[in-house]
C-alpha atoms as a PDB file:
ATOM      1  CA  MET A   1       4.573 -15.419 -24.973  1.00  0.00           C
ATOM      2  CA  SER A   2       2.502 -18.706 -24.740  1.00  0.00           C
ATOM      3  CA  ALA A   3       3.051 -20.691 -21.643  1.00  0.00           C
ATOM      4  CA  ALA A   4       2.972 -24.116 -23.837  1.00  0.00           C
ATOM      5  CA  ARG A   5       6.612 -23.308 -25.077  1.00  0.00           C
ATOM      6  CA  GLU A   6       9.596 -24.776 -23.593  1.00  0.00           C
ATOM      7  CA  ALA A   7      12.609 -23.108 -24.799  1.00  0.00           C
ATOM      8  CA  SER A   8      15.986 -25.060 -24.732  1.00  0.00           C
ATOM      9  CA  TYR A   9      18.567 -22.448 -24.589  1.00  0.00           C
ATOM     10  CA  GLY A  10      20.651 -22.144 -21.579  1.00  0.00           C
ATOM     11  CA  PRO A  11      22.288 -19.929 -18.758  1.00  0.00           C
ATOM     12  CA  GLU A  12      25.135 -18.949 -21.414  1.00  0.00           C
ATOM     13  CA  LEU A  13      23.114 -17.932 -24.248  1.00  0.00           C
ATOM     14  CA  GLU A  14      21.171 -15.612 -21.871  1.00  0.00           C
ATOM     15  CA  ALA A  15      24.436 -14.073 -20.311  1.00  0.00           C
ATOM     16  CA  LEU A  16      25.719 -13.516 -24.012  1.00  0.00           C
ATOM     17  CA  LEU A  17      22.542 -11.559 -24.998  1.00  0.00           C
ATOM     18  CA  ASP A  18      22.322  -9.876 -21.817  1.00  0.00           C
ATOM     19  CA  ARG A  19      26.125  -8.538 -22.112  1.00  0.00           C
ATOM     20  CA  GLY A  20      25.113  -7.438 -25.766  1.00  0.00           C
ATOM     21  CA  ILE A  21      22.354  -5.367 -24.655  1.00  0.00           C
ATOM     22  CA  ASP A  22      23.713  -4.063 -21.671  1.00  0.00           C
ATOM     23  CA  THR A  23      26.984  -2.647 -23.814  1.00  0.00           C
ATOM     24  CA  LEU A  24      24.460  -1.481 -26.707  1.00  0.00           C
ATOM     25  CA  GLY A  25      23.106   0.395 -23.783  1.00  0.00           C
ATOM     26  CA  LEU A  26      19.777  -0.711 -24.086  1.00  0.00           C
ATOM     27  CA  SER A  27      16.560  -0.182 -22.150  1.00  0.00           C
ATOM     28  CA  LEU A  28      13.865  -3.431 -23.057  1.00  0.00           C
ATOM     29  CA  PRO A  29      10.370  -4.518 -21.332  1.00  0.00           C
ATOM     30  CA  PRO A  30      11.033  -6.792 -18.541  1.00  0.00           C
ATOM     31  CA  ASP A  31       9.910  -9.853 -20.687  1.00  0.00           C
ATOM     32  CA  ALA A  32      12.107  -8.856 -23.833  1.00  0.00           C
ATOM     33  CA  ARG A  33      15.127 -10.893 -23.222  1.00  0.00           C
ATOM     34  CA  ALA A  34      12.759 -13.882 -22.934  1.00  0.00           C
ATOM     35  CA  ARG A  35      10.859 -13.238 -25.622  1.00  0.00           C
ATOM     36  CA  LEU A  36      14.241 -12.579 -27.780  1.00  0.00           C
ATOM     37  CA  LEU A  37      15.825 -16.156 -26.698  1.00  0.00           C
ATOM     38  CA  ALA A  38      12.411 -17.822 -27.354  1.00  0.00           C
ATOM     39  CA  TYR A  39      12.821 -16.568 -30.852  1.00  0.00           C
ATOM     40  CA  VAL A  40      16.383 -17.544 -31.661  1.00  0.00           C
ATOM     41  CA  ASP A  41      15.094 -21.233 -30.139  1.00  0.00           C
ATOM     42  CA  MET A  42      12.465 -21.210 -32.743  1.00  0.00           C
ATOM     43  CA  LEU A  43      14.415 -19.976 -35.368  1.00  0.00           C
ATOM     44  CA  ALA A  44      16.793 -22.543 -34.644  1.00  0.00           C
ATOM     45  CA  LYS A  45      14.563 -25.204 -34.685  1.00  0.00           C
ATOM     46  CA  TRP A  46      12.777 -24.487 -37.932  1.00  0.00           C
ATOM     47  CA  ASN A  47      16.096 -23.891 -39.497  1.00  0.00           C
ATOM     48  CA  ARG A  48      16.711 -27.655 -39.437  1.00  0.00           C
ATOM     49  CA  THR A  49      14.024 -28.375 -41.733  1.00  0.00           C
ATOM     50  CA  TYR A  50      12.988 -24.805 -43.643  1.00  0.00           C
ATOM     51  CA  ASN A  51      16.798 -23.170 -44.050  1.00  0.00           C
ATOM     52  CA  LEU A  52      15.638 -20.098 -42.822  1.00  0.00           C
ATOM     53  CA  THR A  53      18.980 -18.422 -42.485  1.00  0.00           C
ATOM     54  CA  ALA A  54      22.729 -19.699 -42.978  1.00  0.00           C
ATOM     55  CA  ILE A  55      23.633 -19.346 -39.471  1.00  0.00           C
ATOM     56  CA  ARG A  56      22.586 -22.424 -37.392  1.00  0.00           C
ATOM     57  CA  GLU A  57      24.252 -21.974 -33.966  1.00  0.00           C
ATOM     58  CA  PRO A  58      22.148 -20.274 -31.453  1.00  0.00           C
ATOM     59  CA  GLN A  59      25.232 -18.513 -30.123  1.00  0.00           C
ATOM     60  CA  ARG A  60      25.870 -16.992 -33.460  1.00  0.00           C
ATOM     61  CA  MET A  61      22.299 -16.215 -33.763  1.00  0.00           C
ATOM     62  CA  VAL A  62      22.277 -14.179 -30.823  1.00  0.00           C
ATOM     63  CA  THR A  63      25.313 -12.455 -32.230  1.00  0.00           C
ATOM     64  CA  HIS A  64      24.906 -12.306 -35.924  1.00  0.00           C
ATOM     65  CA  HIS A  65      21.307 -11.598 -35.950  1.00  0.00           C
ATOM     66  CA  LEU A  66      19.614 -10.673 -32.406  1.00  0.00           C
ATOM     67  CA  LEU A  67      22.304  -8.195 -31.496  1.00  0.00           C
ATOM     68  CA  ASP A  68      22.933  -6.734 -35.353  1.00  0.00           C
ATOM     69  CA  CYS A  69      19.387  -5.911 -35.469  1.00  0.00           C
ATOM     70  CA  LEU A  70      19.216  -4.481 -31.707  1.00  0.00           C
ATOM     71  CA  ALA A  71      22.020  -2.151 -32.759  1.00  0.00           C
ATOM     72  CA  ALA A  72      19.891  -0.350 -34.691  1.00  0.00           C
ATOM     73  CA  LEU A  73      17.499   0.738 -32.167  1.00  0.00           C
ATOM     74  CA  PRO A  74      18.939   4.158 -31.217  1.00  0.00           C
ATOM     75  CA  THR A  75      18.957   4.997 -34.279  1.00  0.00           C
ATOM     76  CA  LEU A  76      15.446   4.096 -34.520  1.00  0.00           C
ATOM     77  CA  ASP A  77      14.631   5.590 -31.480  1.00  0.00           C
ATOM     78  CA  GLY A  78      15.675   9.009 -32.197  1.00  0.00           C
ATOM     79  CA  LEU A  79      13.502   8.820 -35.409  1.00  0.00           C
ATOM     80  CA  ALA A  80      10.777   7.644 -33.147  1.00  0.00           C
ATOM     81  CA  GLY A  81      11.248  10.911 -30.552  1.00  0.00           C
ATOM     82  CA  ASP A  82       7.931  10.597 -28.592  1.00  0.00           C
ATOM     83  CA  ARG A  83       5.834   8.974 -31.396  1.00  0.00           C
ATOM     84  CA  GLU A  84       4.961   5.283 -31.458  1.00  0.00           C
ATOM     85  CA  LEU A  85       6.399   4.353 -34.699  1.00  0.00           C
ATOM     86  CA  THR A  86       5.095   2.051 -37.644  1.00  0.00           C
ATOM     87  CA  LEU A  87       7.471   0.115 -39.103  1.00  0.00           C
ATOM     88  CA  LEU A  88       7.959  -2.117 -42.044  1.00  0.00           C
ATOM     89  CA  ASP A  89      10.254  -4.720 -42.858  1.00  0.00           C
ATOM     90  CA  VAL A  90      11.010  -5.407 -46.446  1.00  0.00           C
ATOM     91  CA  GLY A  91      12.476  -8.787 -47.374  1.00  0.00           C
ATOM     92  CA  SER A  92      12.357  -9.600 -43.469  1.00  0.00           C
ATOM     93  CA  GLY A  93      13.333 -13.627 -44.237  1.00  0.00           C
ATOM     94  CA  GLY A  94      13.253 -15.268 -40.933  1.00  0.00           C
ATOM     95  CA  GLY A  95      12.294 -12.163 -39.100  1.00  0.00           C
ATOM     96  CA  LEU A  96      15.247  -9.708 -39.096  1.00  0.00           C
ATOM     97  CA  PRO A  97      15.088  -7.219 -38.087  1.00  0.00           C
ATOM     98  CA  GLY A  98      11.390  -6.779 -37.790  1.00  0.00           C
ATOM     99  CA  VAL A  99      10.902  -9.261 -34.954  1.00  0.00           C
ATOM    100  CA  PRO A 100      13.430  -8.434 -32.550  1.00  0.00           C
ATOM    101  CA  ILE A 101      12.408  -4.806 -32.981  1.00  0.00           C
ATOM    102  CA  ALA A 102       8.979  -5.547 -32.310  1.00  0.00           C
ATOM    103  CA  ILE A 103      10.052  -7.284 -29.163  1.00  0.00           C
ATOM    104  CA  ALA A 104      12.414  -4.541 -28.236  1.00  0.00           C
ATOM    105  CA  ARG A 105       9.719  -1.836 -28.632  1.00  0.00           C
ATOM    106  CA  PRO A 106       6.118  -3.170 -27.899  1.00  0.00           C
ATOM    107  CA  ARG A 107       4.494   0.122 -28.552  1.00  0.00           C
ATOM    108  CA  TRP A 108       5.635   0.119 -32.057  1.00  0.00           C
ATOM    109  CA  GLN A 109       3.551  -1.557 -34.961  1.00  0.00           C
ATOM    110  CA  VAL A 110       5.767  -3.507 -37.485  1.00  0.00           C
ATOM    111  CA  THR A 111       4.923  -5.298 -40.175  1.00  0.00           C
ATOM    112  CA  THR A 112       7.067  -7.997 -41.890  1.00  0.00           C
ATOM    113  CA  VAL A 113       7.018  -8.570 -45.623  1.00  0.00           C
ATOM    114  CA  GLU A 114       8.368 -11.551 -46.876  1.00  0.00           C
ATOM    115  CA  PRO A 115       7.123 -13.393 -50.008  1.00  0.00           C
ATOM    116  CA  VAL A 116       8.954 -16.922 -49.538  1.00  0.00           C
ATOM    117  CA  GLN A 117       6.192 -19.299 -48.215  1.00  0.00           C
ATOM    118  CA  LYS A 118       8.153 -21.198 -45.993  1.00  0.00           C
ATOM    119  CA  LYS A 119       9.600 -18.110 -44.261  1.00  0.00           C
ATOM    120  CA  GLY A 120       6.082 -16.447 -44.385  1.00  0.00           C
ATOM    121  CA  ALA A 121       4.778 -19.253 -42.551  1.00  0.00           C
ATOM    122  CA  PHE A 122       7.386 -19.232 -39.860  1.00  0.00           C
ATOM    123  CA  LEU A 123       7.099 -15.571 -39.538  1.00  0.00           C
ATOM    124  CA  THR A 124       3.225 -15.855 -38.836  1.00  0.00           C
ATOM    125  CA  GLN A 125       3.547 -18.805 -36.536  1.00  0.00           C
ATOM    126  CA  ALA A 126       6.600 -17.432 -34.505  1.00  0.00           C
ATOM    127  CA  ILE A 127       4.233 -13.983 -34.101  1.00  0.00           C
ATOM    128  CA  ALA A 128       1.648 -16.405 -32.855  1.00  0.00           C
ATOM    129  CA  GLU A 129       3.252 -18.511 -30.640  1.00  0.00           C
ATOM    130  CA  LEU A 130       5.394 -15.833 -29.078  1.00  0.00           C
ATOM    131  CA  ALA A 131       2.407 -13.625 -28.933  1.00  0.00           C
ATOM    132  CA  ILE A 132       3.938 -10.568 -30.409  1.00  0.00           C
ATOM    133  CA  ALA A 133       0.871  -8.862 -30.204  1.00  0.00           C
ATOM    134  CA  ASN A 134       2.302  -5.544 -32.200  1.00  0.00           C
ATOM    135  CA  ALA A 135       3.804  -7.277 -35.079  1.00  0.00           C
ATOM    136  CA  ARG A 136       2.300  -8.996 -38.404  1.00  0.00           C
ATOM    137  CA  ALA A 137       3.443 -10.671 -41.530  1.00  0.00           C
ATOM    138  CA  ALA A 138       2.478 -10.288 -45.037  1.00  0.00           C
ATOM    139  CA  VAL A 139       3.645 -13.170 -47.045  1.00  0.00           C
ATOM    140  CA  VAL A 140       3.893 -11.231 -50.112  1.00  0.00           C
ATOM    141  CA  ARG A 141       6.053  -9.549 -52.326  1.00  0.00           C
ATOM    142  CA  VAL A 142       6.585  -5.576 -51.209  1.00  0.00           C
ATOM    143  CA  GLU A 143       5.626  -4.612 -54.950  1.00  0.00           C
ATOM    144  CA  ASP A 144       2.684  -6.369 -54.211  1.00  0.00           C
ATOM    145  CA  LEU A 145       1.717  -5.085 -50.786  1.00  0.00           C
ATOM    146  CA  ALA A 146      -1.531  -3.175 -50.876  1.00  0.00           C
ATOM    147  CA  ALA A 147      -0.808   0.503 -49.699  1.00  0.00           C
ATOM    148  CA  THR A 148      -3.201   0.492 -47.209  1.00  0.00           C
ATOM    149  CA  ALA A 149      -1.470   3.224 -44.696  1.00  0.00           C
ATOM    150  CA  ALA A 150       2.154   4.831 -44.866  1.00  0.00           C
ATOM    151  CA  PHE A 151       4.732   3.637 -42.635  1.00  0.00           C
ATOM    152  CA  ASP A 152       7.205   6.125 -40.329  1.00  0.00           C
ATOM    153  CA  VAL A 153      10.211   3.874 -41.106  1.00  0.00           C
ATOM    154  CA  VAL A 154      10.471   1.073 -43.787  1.00  0.00           C
ATOM    155  CA  ILE A 155      13.707  -1.038 -42.951  1.00  0.00           C
ATOM    156  CA  SER A 156      15.716  -3.758 -44.925  1.00  0.00           C
ATOM    157  CA  ARG A 157      18.414  -5.920 -43.793  1.00  0.00           C
ATOM    158  CA  ALA A 158      19.475  -7.942 -46.638  1.00  0.00           C
ATOM    159  CA  PHE A 159      16.767  -7.092 -49.267  1.00  0.00           C
ATOM    160  CA  SER A 160      18.665  -5.781 -52.121  1.00  0.00           C
ATOM    161  CA  ASP A 161      20.864  -2.477 -53.355  1.00  0.00           C
ATOM    162  CA  LEU A 162      19.685   0.878 -52.156  1.00  0.00           C
ATOM    163  CA  ALA A 163      18.498   2.253 -55.495  1.00  0.00           C
ATOM    164  CA  SER A 164      15.977  -1.138 -55.885  1.00  0.00           C
ATOM    165  CA  PHE A 165      15.157  -1.028 -52.152  1.00  0.00           C
ATOM    166  CA  ALA A 166      13.976   2.840 -52.998  1.00  0.00           C
ATOM    167  CA  ALA A 167      12.077   1.741 -56.108  1.00  0.00           C
ATOM    168  CA  ALA A 168      10.052  -0.794 -54.347  1.00  0.00           C
ATOM    169  CA  ALA A 169       9.475   0.594 -50.783  1.00  0.00           C
ATOM    170  CA  LEU A 170       9.113   4.440 -51.151  1.00  0.00           C
ATOM    171  CA  ARG A 171       5.447   4.264 -51.866  1.00  0.00           C
ATOM    172  CA  HIS A 172       5.129   3.003 -48.677  1.00  0.00           C
ATOM    173  CA  VAL A 173       6.864   5.797 -46.474  1.00  0.00           C
ATOM    174  CA  ALA A 174       4.925   8.459 -44.924  1.00  0.00           C
ATOM    175  CA  HIS A 175       5.487  11.666 -46.354  1.00  0.00           C
ATOM    176  CA  ASP A 176       8.044  13.026 -43.596  1.00  0.00           C
ATOM    177  CA  GLY A 177       8.911   8.960 -43.050  1.00  0.00           C
ATOM    178  CA  ARG A 178      12.668   7.549 -43.600  1.00  0.00           C
ATOM    179  CA  LEU A 179      13.987   4.634 -45.676  1.00  0.00           C
ATOM    180  CA  VAL A 180      16.454   2.534 -43.342  1.00  0.00           C
ATOM    181  CA  ALA A 181      19.040  -0.012 -44.798  1.00  0.00           C
ATOM    182  CA  MET A 182      21.097  -2.029 -42.749  1.00  0.00           C
ATOM    183  CA  LYS A 183      24.613  -2.338 -44.541  1.00  0.00           C
ATOM    184  CA  GLY A 184      28.033  -3.473 -43.901  1.00  0.00           C
ATOM    185  CA  VAL A 185      30.942  -1.573 -45.149  1.00  0.00           C
ATOM    186  CA  HIS A 186      29.812   2.102 -46.166  1.00  0.00           C
ATOM    187  CA  PRO A 187      28.136   1.631 -49.362  1.00  0.00           C
ATOM    188  CA  ASP A 188      29.539   4.714 -51.534  1.00  0.00           C
ATOM    189  CA  ALA A 189      28.810   2.587 -54.843  1.00  0.00           C
ATOM    190  CA  GLU A 190      25.195   2.292 -53.681  1.00  0.00           C
ATOM    191  CA  LEU A 191      24.791   5.743 -52.500  1.00  0.00           C
ATOM    192  CA  ALA A 192      25.779   7.171 -56.099  1.00  0.00           C
ATOM    193  CA  GLU A 193      23.123   5.026 -57.722  1.00  0.00           C
ATOM    194  CA  LEU A 194      20.625   6.601 -55.864  1.00  0.00           C
ATOM    195  CA  PRO A 195      17.742   8.403 -57.716  1.00  0.00           C
ATOM    196  CA  ALA A 196      17.450  12.055 -57.331  1.00  0.00           C
ATOM    197  CA  SER A 197      14.163  11.805 -55.668  1.00  0.00           C
ATOM    198  CA  VAL A 198      15.339  10.925 -52.706  1.00  0.00           C
ATOM    199  CA  GLU A 199      18.469  12.036 -50.467  1.00  0.00           C
ATOM    200  CA  VAL A 200      20.490  10.547 -47.584  1.00  0.00           C
ATOM    201  CA  VAL A 201      20.286  12.030 -44.164  1.00  0.00           C
ATOM    202  CA  ALA A 202      23.123   9.835 -42.543  1.00  0.00           C
ATOM    203  CA  THR A 203      24.604   6.872 -42.513  1.00  0.00           C
ATOM    204  CA  PRO A 204      25.862   6.243 -38.854  1.00  0.00           C
ATOM    205  CA  ALA A 205      28.317   3.411 -38.316  1.00  0.00           C
ATOM    206  CA  LEU A 206      27.211   0.779 -35.600  1.00  0.00           C
ATOM    207  CA  ALA A 207      29.311  -0.892 -33.099  1.00  0.00           C
ATOM    208  CA  VAL A 208      27.421  -4.551 -32.549  1.00  0.00           C
ATOM    209  CA  PRO A 209      28.859  -6.549 -29.701  1.00  0.00           C
ATOM    210  CA  PHE A 210      31.119  -9.517 -30.423  1.00  0.00           C
ATOM    211  CA  LEU A 211      30.936  -8.820 -34.219  1.00  0.00           C
ATOM    212  CA  GLU A 212      33.869  -7.964 -36.333  1.00  0.00           C
ATOM    213  CA  GLY A 213      33.366  -5.857 -39.200  1.00  0.00           C
ATOM    214  CA  ALA A 214      31.710  -2.965 -40.517  1.00  0.00           C
ATOM    215  CA  ARG A 215      28.317  -2.303 -40.068  1.00  0.00           C
ATOM    216  CA  HIS A 216      26.208   0.915 -41.133  1.00  0.00           C
ATOM    217  CA  LEU A 217      22.847   2.428 -41.233  1.00  0.00           C
ATOM    218  CA  VAL A 218      21.875   4.388 -44.493  1.00  0.00           C
ATOM    219  CA  VAL A 219      18.783   6.624 -43.376  1.00  0.00           C
ATOM    220  CA  ILE A 220      16.854   8.031 -46.587  1.00  0.00           C
ATOM    221  CA  ARG A 221      14.158  10.476 -46.840  1.00  0.00           C
ATOM    222  CA  ARG A 222      12.299  11.980 -49.777  1.00  0.00           C
ATOM    223  CA  ARG A 223      13.892  14.875 -51.422  1.00  0.00           C
ATOM    224  CA  ALA A 224      12.171  17.981 -50.807  1.00  0.00           C
ATOM    225  CA  ALA A 225      10.278  19.595 -53.669  1.00  0.00           C
END
């Protein structure tokens, strides 16, 4: 992280993040907490001008954004095994979940895709300023993203319904890779609309510290021929 960046977060925010990470039982690199808080600090500052997220309070950014995204890590770790994952974050917005994942798992290669220019500018600046060497930002629609390499995991947090997500993103998934959608309540209606070309592997419930309400992941793969 750039020494020029002076974060304005205080010990209360640090304690909140620490409690959440401990509750999730996550193991993170030594500098990850500082980088995650610096990201929240930067997101809050840019948000005053560019309206990157409807959540404006740094404390709620920690709980509703950081911890919500980090809660997916145990499932992603399971998919990774001993591999160093390549991960595509579709409709990343202000960098969620791609940026927290890249910070938490520096050996993985993360690409964020976001077509809105102001959000893409923030992502580009955040990745550079926070020195997130394993992340890059593509300011483009996922439908227009050049399919230069397939990804082990393609993830979305607030992109679209499951059928639209699969239609737009499946071509970027490696043959044995997975689509992972972050959802609230168990999306029964959306699951019923998935095309026959894919199948659901798992729909684990997530317990996000300090958040009420249901949270689920939907893990999807190509259906075997």
